[in-house]
C-alpha atoms as a PDB file:
ATOM      1  CA  MET A   1      31.744 122.972  75.647  1.00  0.00           C
ATOM      2  CA  GLU A   2      28.920 123.922  77.954  1.00  0.00           C
ATOM      3  CA  SER A   3      29.071 127.682  77.594  1.00  0.00           C
ATOM      4  CA  LEU A   4      31.292 130.585  76.710  1.00  0.00           C
ATOM      5  CA  ALA A   5      31.563 131.540  80.381  1.00  0.00           C
ATOM      6  CA  HIS A   6      32.797 128.031  81.228  1.00  0.00           C
ATOM      7  CA  LEU A   7      35.295 128.198  78.363  1.00  0.00           C
ATOM      8  CA  GLU A   8      36.592 131.542  79.655  1.00  0.00           C
ATOM      9  CA  VAL A   9      37.148 130.006  83.123  1.00  0.00           C
ATOM     10  CA  LEU A  10      39.051 127.112  81.576  1.00  0.00           C
ATOM     11  CA  CYS A  11      41.194 129.533  79.554  1.00  0.00           C
ATOM     12  CA  GLU A  12      41.975 131.527  82.687  1.00  0.00           C
ATOM     13  CA  ARG A  13      43.119 128.293  84.358  1.00  0.00           C
ATOM     14  CA  LEU A  14      45.091 127.223  81.309  1.00  0.00           C
ATOM     15  CA  TYR A  15      47.137 130.415  81.195  1.00  0.00           C
ATOM     16  CA  ASN A  16      47.271 131.427  84.872  1.00  0.00           C
ATOM     17  CA  SER A  17      46.834 128.469  87.202  1.00  0.00           C
ATOM     18  CA  GLN A  18      49.731 127.581  89.489  1.00  0.00           C
ATOM     19  CA  ASP A  19      48.270 124.070  89.913  1.00  0.00           C
ATOM     20  CA  SER A  20      49.736 121.816  87.223  1.00  0.00           C
ATOM     21  CA  ALA A  21      46.846 119.306  87.454  1.00  0.00           C
ATOM     22  CA  GLU A  22      44.308 122.101  86.963  1.00  0.00           C
ATOM     23  CA  ARG A  23      46.293 123.458  84.029  1.00  0.00           C
ATOM     24  CA  ALA A  24      46.583 119.993  82.468  1.00  0.00           C
ATOM     25  CA  HIS A  25      42.837 119.420  82.808  1.00  0.00           C
ATOM     26  CA  ALA A  26      42.126 122.745  81.094  1.00  0.00           C
ATOM     27  CA  GLU A  27      44.617 121.962  78.336  1.00  0.00           C
ATOM     28  CA  ASN A  28      43.099 118.543  77.675  1.00  0.00           C
ATOM     29  CA  THR A  29      39.581 119.958  77.653  1.00  0.00           C
ATOM     30  CA  LEU A  30      40.492 122.777  75.251  1.00  0.00           C
ATOM     31  CA  LYS A  31      42.755 120.745  72.954  1.00  0.00           C
ATOM     32  CA  CYS A  32      39.881 120.072  70.542  1.00  0.00           C
ATOM     33  CA  PHE A  33      40.014 123.688  69.318  1.00  0.00           C
ATOM     34  CA  SER A  34      43.526 123.247  67.939  1.00  0.00           C
ATOM     35  CA  VAL A  35      43.359 119.724  66.507  1.00  0.00           C
ATOM     36  CA  ASN A  36      39.934 119.482  64.883  1.00  0.00           C
ATOM     37  CA  SER A  37      39.216 121.704  61.866  1.00  0.00           C
ATOM     38  CA  SER A  38      35.492 121.587  62.592  1.00  0.00           C
ATOM     39  CA  TYR A  39      36.244 123.928  65.520  1.00  0.00           C
ATOM     40  CA  ILE A  40      37.449 126.792  63.313  1.00  0.00           C
ATOM     41  CA  SER A  41      34.030 128.456  63.338  1.00  0.00           C
ATOM     42  CA  GLN A  42      33.896 128.097  67.143  1.00  0.00           C
ATOM     43  CA  CYS A  43      37.267 129.862  67.364  1.00  0.00           C
ATOM     44  CA  GLN A  44      35.815 132.730  65.370  1.00  0.00           C
ATOM     45  CA  TYR A  45      32.753 132.734  67.662  1.00  0.00           C
ATOM     46  CA  ILE A  46      35.070 132.991  70.652  1.00  0.00           C
ATOM     47  CA  LEU A  47      36.930 135.899  69.055  1.00  0.00           C
ATOM     48  CA  ASP A  48      33.647 137.668  68.387  1.00  0.00           C
ATOM     49  CA  ASN A  49      32.024 137.074  71.766  1.00  0.00           C
ATOM     50  CA  ALA A  50      34.539 136.357  74.510  1.00  0.00           C
ATOM     51  CA  SER A  51      35.207 138.999  77.130  1.00  0.00           C
ATOM     52  CA  THR A  52      38.546 137.746  78.493  1.00  0.00           C
ATOM     53  CA  PRO A  53      41.888 138.034  76.722  1.00  0.00           C
ATOM     54  CA  TYR A  54      42.734 134.445  77.641  1.00  0.00           C
ATOM     55  CA  ALA A  55      39.780 133.095  75.660  1.00  0.00           C
ATOM     56  CA  LEU A  56      40.841 135.295  72.737  1.00  0.00           C
ATOM     57  CA  MET A  57      44.350 133.928  73.063  1.00  0.00           C
ATOM     58  CA  LEU A  58      43.052 130.358  73.014  1.00  0.00           C
ATOM     59  CA  ALA A  59      41.091 131.059  69.830  1.00  0.00           C
ATOM     60  CA  SER A  60      44.032 132.737  68.130  1.00  0.00           C
ATOM     61  CA  SER A  61      46.608 130.134  69.099  1.00  0.00           C
ATOM     62  CA  SER A  62      44.218 127.318  68.152  1.00  0.00           C
ATOM     63  CA  LEU A  63      43.693 128.844  64.720  1.00  0.00           C
ATOM     64  CA  LEU A  64      47.450 129.247  64.351  1.00  0.00           C
ATOM     65  CA  LYS A  65      47.952 125.579  65.104  1.00  0.00           C
ATOM     66  CA  GLN A  66      45.166 124.613  62.684  1.00  0.00           C
ATOM     67  CA  VAL A  67      46.668 126.703  59.867  1.00  0.00           C
ATOM     68  CA  THR A  68      50.140 125.334  60.540  1.00  0.00           C
ATOM     69  CA  GLU A  69      49.392 121.648  61.091  1.00  0.00           C
ATOM     70  CA  GLN A  70      46.192 120.869  59.184  1.00  0.00           C
ATOM     71  CA  ARG A  71      45.701 120.684  55.426  1.00  0.00           C
ATOM     72  CA  LEU A  72      43.055 123.402  55.250  1.00  0.00           C
ATOM     73  CA  SER A  73      41.458 124.194  51.940  1.00  0.00           C
ATOM     74  CA  LEU A  74      42.321 127.396  50.128  1.00  0.00           C
ATOM     75  CA  GLN A  75      38.808 128.711  50.757  1.00  0.00           C
ATOM     76  CA  ILE A  76      39.062 128.153  54.519  1.00  0.00           C
ATOM     77  CA  ARG A  77      42.421 129.932  54.628  1.00  0.00           C
ATOM     78  CA  LEU A  78      40.986 132.824  52.594  1.00  0.00           C
ATOM     79  CA  ASP A  79      38.057 133.027  54.977  1.00  0.00           C
ATOM     80  CA  ILE A  80      40.384 133.087  57.982  1.00  0.00           C
ATOM     81  CA  ARG A  81      42.532 135.744  56.320  1.00  0.00           C
ATOM     82  CA  ASN A  82      39.592 137.985  55.497  1.00  0.00           C
ATOM     83  CA  TYR A  83      38.129 137.502  58.955  1.00  0.00           C
ATOM     84  CA  LEU A  84      41.425 138.502  60.564  1.00  0.00           C
ATOM     85  CA  ILE A  85      41.788 141.657  58.477  1.00  0.00           C
ATOM     86  CA  ASN A  86      38.301 142.791  59.496  1.00  0.00           C
ATOM     87  CA  TYR A  87      38.757 141.711  63.097  1.00  0.00           C
ATOM     88  CA  LEU A  88      42.059 143.549  63.523  1.00  0.00           C
ATOM     89  CA  ALA A  89      40.670 146.653  61.833  1.00  0.00           C
ATOM     90  CA  THR A  90      37.578 146.799  64.048  1.00  0.00           C
ATOM     91  CA  ARG A  91      38.819 145.404  67.367  1.00  0.00           C
ATOM     92  CA  GLY A  92      42.585 145.501  67.230  1.00  0.00           C
ATOM     93  CA  MET A  93      42.856 148.767  69.126  1.00  0.00           C
ATOM     94  CA  ASN A  94      41.019 147.356  72.159  1.00  0.00           C
ATOM     95  CA  LEU A  95      42.897 144.073  72.530  1.00  0.00           C
ATOM     96  CA  GLU A  96      45.631 143.174  74.954  1.00  0.00           C
ATOM     97  CA  PRO A  97      49.038 143.411  73.236  1.00  0.00           C
ATOM     98  CA  PHE A  98      49.691 139.674  73.582  1.00  0.00           C
ATOM     99  CA  VAL A  99      46.396 138.899  71.833  1.00  0.00           C
ATOM    100  CA  THR A 100      47.126 141.361  69.034  1.00  0.00           C
ATOM    101  CA  ALA A 101      50.585 139.851  68.563  1.00  0.00           C
ATOM    102  CA  SER A 102      49.099 136.357  68.349  1.00  0.00           C
ATOM    103  CA  LEU A 103      46.494 137.449  65.801  1.00  0.00           C
ATOM    104  CA  ILE A 104      49.153 139.188  63.682  1.00  0.00           C
ATOM    105  CA  GLN A 105      51.295 136.050  63.803  1.00  0.00           C
ATOM    106  CA  LEU A 106      48.267 134.061  62.635  1.00  0.00           C
ATOM    107  CA  PHE A 107      47.640 136.514  59.808  1.00  0.00           C
ATOM    108  CA  CYS A 108      51.306 136.257  58.746  1.00  0.00           C
ATOM    109  CA  ARG A 109      51.189 132.467  58.785  1.00  0.00           C
ATOM    110  CA  VAL A 110      48.026 132.351  56.674  1.00  0.00           C
ATOM    111  CA  THR A 111      49.612 134.796  54.260  1.00  0.00           C
ATOM    112  CA  LYS A 112      52.843 132.821  54.055  1.00  0.00           C
ATOM    113  CA  TYR A 113      51.090 129.543  53.301  1.00  0.00           C
ATOM    114  CA  GLY A 114      48.828 131.093  50.704  1.00  0.00           C
ATOM    115  CA  TRP A 115      51.365 133.334  48.967  1.00  0.00           C
ATOM    116  CA  PHE A 116      51.844 131.135  45.887  1.00  0.00           C
ATOM    117  CA  GLU A 117      48.276 129.801  45.744  1.00  0.00           C
ATOM    118  CA  ASP A 118      46.216 132.969  45.240  1.00  0.00           C
ATOM    119  CA  ASP A 119      47.123 136.541  44.413  1.00  0.00           C
ATOM    120  CA  ILE A 120      44.878 137.917  47.156  1.00  0.00           C
ATOM    121  CA  PHE A 121      47.438 136.779  49.717  1.00  0.00           C
ATOM    122  CA  ARG A 122      49.961 139.086  48.056  1.00  0.00           C
ATOM    123  CA  GLU A 123      47.788 142.152  48.711  1.00  0.00           C
ATOM    124  CA  VAL A 124      48.951 142.125  52.296  1.00  0.00           C
ATOM    125  CA  VAL A 125      51.044 145.281  51.947  1.00  0.00           C
ATOM    126  CA  LYS A 126      48.178 147.324  50.539  1.00  0.00           C
ATOM    127  CA  GLU A 127      45.719 146.069  53.127  1.00  0.00           C
ATOM    128  CA  SER A 128      48.181 146.444  56.001  1.00  0.00           C
ATOM    129  CA  THR A 129      49.006 149.988  54.953  1.00  0.00           C
ATOM    130  CA  SER A 130      45.336 150.891  54.932  1.00  0.00           C
ATOM    131  CA  PHE A 131      44.888 149.304  58.364  1.00  0.00           C
ATOM    132  CA  LEU A 132      47.974 151.016  59.799  1.00  0.00           C
ATOM    133  CA  ASN A 133      46.911 154.395  58.381  1.00  0.00           C
ATOM    134  CA  GLN A 134      43.603 154.034  60.248  1.00  0.00           C
ATOM    135  CA  PHE A 135      45.560 153.246  63.407  1.00  0.00           C
ATOM    136  CA  VAL A 136      47.788 156.305  62.989  1.00  0.00           C
ATOM    137  CA  LYS A 137      44.771 158.582  62.358  1.00  0.00           C
ATOM    138  CA  ILE A 138      42.961 157.261  65.419  1.00  0.00           C
ATOM    139  CA  HIS A 139      46.071 157.475  67.569  1.00  0.00           C
ATOM    140  CA  ALA A 140      46.787 161.050  66.399  1.00  0.00           C
ATOM    141  CA  PHE A 141      43.186 162.024  67.180  1.00  0.00           C
ATOM    142  CA  VAL A 142      43.437 160.572  70.682  1.00  0.00           C
ATOM    143  CA  VAL A 143      46.713 162.388  71.369  1.00  0.00           C
ATOM    144  CA  LEU A 144      45.268 165.713  70.289  1.00  0.00           C
END
């Protein structure tokens, strides 16, 4: 991929173009993010640095596909899980609802697949409660 700006243009075309050939070209160009596990770190880079919700959606949906269809190591799944918890806690309030929903679905899938492999995946209730309490406090402050 040439640059993040170019990737964001392709993502915009992927999700919004009315031209099926343009959409197909974008899909074929961006497919590597969802089928090659070496692109997991690039997906995290996109989540950290992209400015458009469509690029964030590509990264999230690509990671979801990776977690679902690839045989990722326990350590990689733990890394993704921990990254998502921090990401949602720090940036979740500023994301488009469809991006947040996709990231939560990804978090749930990682948790589901790791539930019986490591106890840390079972701490989801405690960590989610902490995250949601922060959300309620921030929301209550904004309303006041």
